[in-house]
Amino acid sequence: MPKMKTHSGMKKRVRITGSGKIRREQTGIRHLAEAKSSKRKRRLSGTVEVAPSYVKKAKKLLGI
């Protein structure tokens, strides 16, 4: 059986923490930012944990 390849799109979008959790950037801040309030843009900055329902799928795509 050949080696399983890591999904290139997924590895660009997420980071694995030291404890094994998967973190991702928040959506909604890439464009049309002028119309959004500063408060909203600050809230969208930074990373969040991947939703529990997606963790299994994300790990499979990363080859974990």
C-alpha atoms as a PDB file:
ATOM      1  CA  MET A   1       0.000   0.000   0.000  1.00  0.00           C
ATOM      2  CA  PRO A   2       1.440   3.442  -0.932  1.00  0.00           C
ATOM      3  CA  LYS A   3       2.077   6.156   1.618  1.00  0.00           C
ATOM      4  CA  MET A   4      -0.876   8.421   2.366  1.00  0.00           C
ATOM      5  CA  LYS A   5      -0.293  11.985   1.230  1.00  0.00           C
ATOM      6  CA  THR A   6      -1.056  14.976   3.461  1.00  0.00           C
ATOM      7  CA  HIS A   7      -3.814  17.184   2.059  1.00  0.00           C
ATOM      8  CA  SER A   8      -1.918  20.316   0.946  1.00  0.00           C
ATOM      9  CA  GLY A   9      -4.903  22.641   1.366  1.00  0.00           C
ATOM     10  CA  MET A  10      -5.525  21.500   4.936  1.00  0.00           C
ATOM     11  CA  LYS A  11      -1.909  21.771   6.055  1.00  0.00           C
ATOM     12  CA  LYS A  12      -1.875  25.417   4.898  1.00  0.00           C
ATOM     13  CA  ARG A  13      -5.015  26.237   6.881  1.00  0.00           C
ATOM     14  CA  VAL A  14      -4.421  24.694  10.297  1.00  0.00           C
ATOM     15  CA  ARG A  15      -1.771  24.348  13.017  1.00  0.00           C
ATOM     16  CA  ILE A  16      -1.366  21.559  15.546  1.00  0.00           C
ATOM     17  CA  THR A  17      -0.779  22.637  19.154  1.00  0.00           C
ATOM     18  CA  GLY A  18       1.638  20.924  21.492  1.00  0.00           C
ATOM     19  CA  SER A  19      -1.238  19.083  23.146  1.00  0.00           C
ATOM     20  CA  GLY A  20      -2.525  17.870  19.754  1.00  0.00           C
ATOM     21  CA  LYS A  21      -5.442  20.251  19.295  1.00  0.00           C
ATOM     22  CA  ILE A  22      -6.120  21.743  15.862  1.00  0.00           C
ATOM     23  CA  ARG A  23      -6.294  25.546  15.556  1.00  0.00           C
ATOM     24  CA  ARG A  24      -7.477  27.599  12.573  1.00  0.00           C
ATOM     25  CA  GLU A  25      -7.792  31.249  11.574  1.00  0.00           C
ATOM     26  CA  GLN A  26     -11.244  32.796  11.869  1.00  0.00           C
ATOM     27  CA  THR A  27     -13.182  33.577   8.698  1.00  0.00           C
ATOM     28  CA  GLY A  28     -14.594  36.928   7.640  1.00  0.00           C
ATOM     29  CA  ILE A  29     -11.573  39.233   7.880  1.00  0.00           C
ATOM     30  CA  ARG A  30      -9.825  38.691   4.533  1.00  0.00           C
ATOM     31  CA  HIS A  31     -11.724  41.312   2.533  1.00  0.00           C
ATOM     32  CA  LEU A  32     -14.503  43.926   2.776  1.00  0.00           C
ATOM     33  CA  ALA A  33     -12.927  44.933   6.098  1.00  0.00           C
ATOM     34  CA  GLU A  34     -13.746  48.637   5.722  1.00  0.00           C
ATOM     35  CA  ALA A  35     -17.435  47.950   6.315  1.00  0.00           C
ATOM     36  CA  LYS A  36     -16.788  45.980   9.503  1.00  0.00           C
ATOM     37  CA  SER A  37     -16.420  47.635  12.896  1.00  0.00           C
ATOM     38  CA  SER A  38     -13.076  47.668  14.701  1.00  0.00           C
ATOM     39  CA  LYS A  39     -14.634  45.599  17.476  1.00  0.00           C
ATOM     40  CA  ARG A  40     -15.718  42.940  14.982  1.00  0.00           C
ATOM     41  CA  LYS A  41     -12.299  42.875  13.283  1.00  0.00           C
ATOM     42  CA  ARG A  42     -10.522  42.483  16.634  1.00  0.00           C
ATOM     43  CA  ARG A  43     -12.856  39.624  17.561  1.00  0.00           C
ATOM     44  CA  LEU A  44     -12.106  37.887  14.251  1.00  0.00           C
ATOM     45  CA  SER A  45      -8.326  38.184  14.636  1.00  0.00           C
ATOM     46  CA  GLY A  46      -6.373  35.320  16.120  1.00  0.00           C
ATOM     47  CA  THR A  47      -7.026  31.607  16.012  1.00  0.00           C
ATOM     48  CA  VAL A  48      -9.762  29.337  17.307  1.00  0.00           C
ATOM     49  CA  GLU A  49     -10.010  25.613  17.876  1.00  0.00           C
ATOM     50  CA  VAL A  50     -11.537  23.508  15.092  1.00  0.00           C
ATOM     51  CA  ALA A  51     -15.112  22.460  15.928  1.00  0.00           C
ATOM     52  CA  PRO A  52     -15.345  18.995  17.558  1.00  0.00           C
ATOM     53  CA  SER A  53     -17.496  17.703  14.695  1.00  0.00           C
ATOM     54  CA  TYR A  54     -14.668  18.431  12.201  1.00  0.00           C
ATOM     55  CA  VAL A  55     -11.666  17.204  14.199  1.00  0.00           C
ATOM     56  CA  LYS A  56     -11.844  13.623  12.899  1.00  0.00           C
ATOM     57  CA  LYS A  57     -12.041  14.787   9.253  1.00  0.00           C
ATOM     58  CA  ALA A  58      -9.217  17.329   9.722  1.00  0.00           C
ATOM     59  CA  LYS A  59      -6.917  14.741  11.305  1.00  0.00           C
ATOM     60  CA  LYS A  60      -7.604  12.313   8.470  1.00  0.00           C
ATOM     61  CA  LEU A  61      -6.678  14.948   5.877  1.00  0.00           C
ATOM     62  CA  LEU A  62      -3.475  15.761   7.785  1.00  0.00           C
ATOM     63  CA  GLY A  63      -2.533  12.097   8.042  1.00  0.00           C
ATOM     64  CA  ILE A  64      -2.586  12.088  11.845  1.00  0.00           C
END
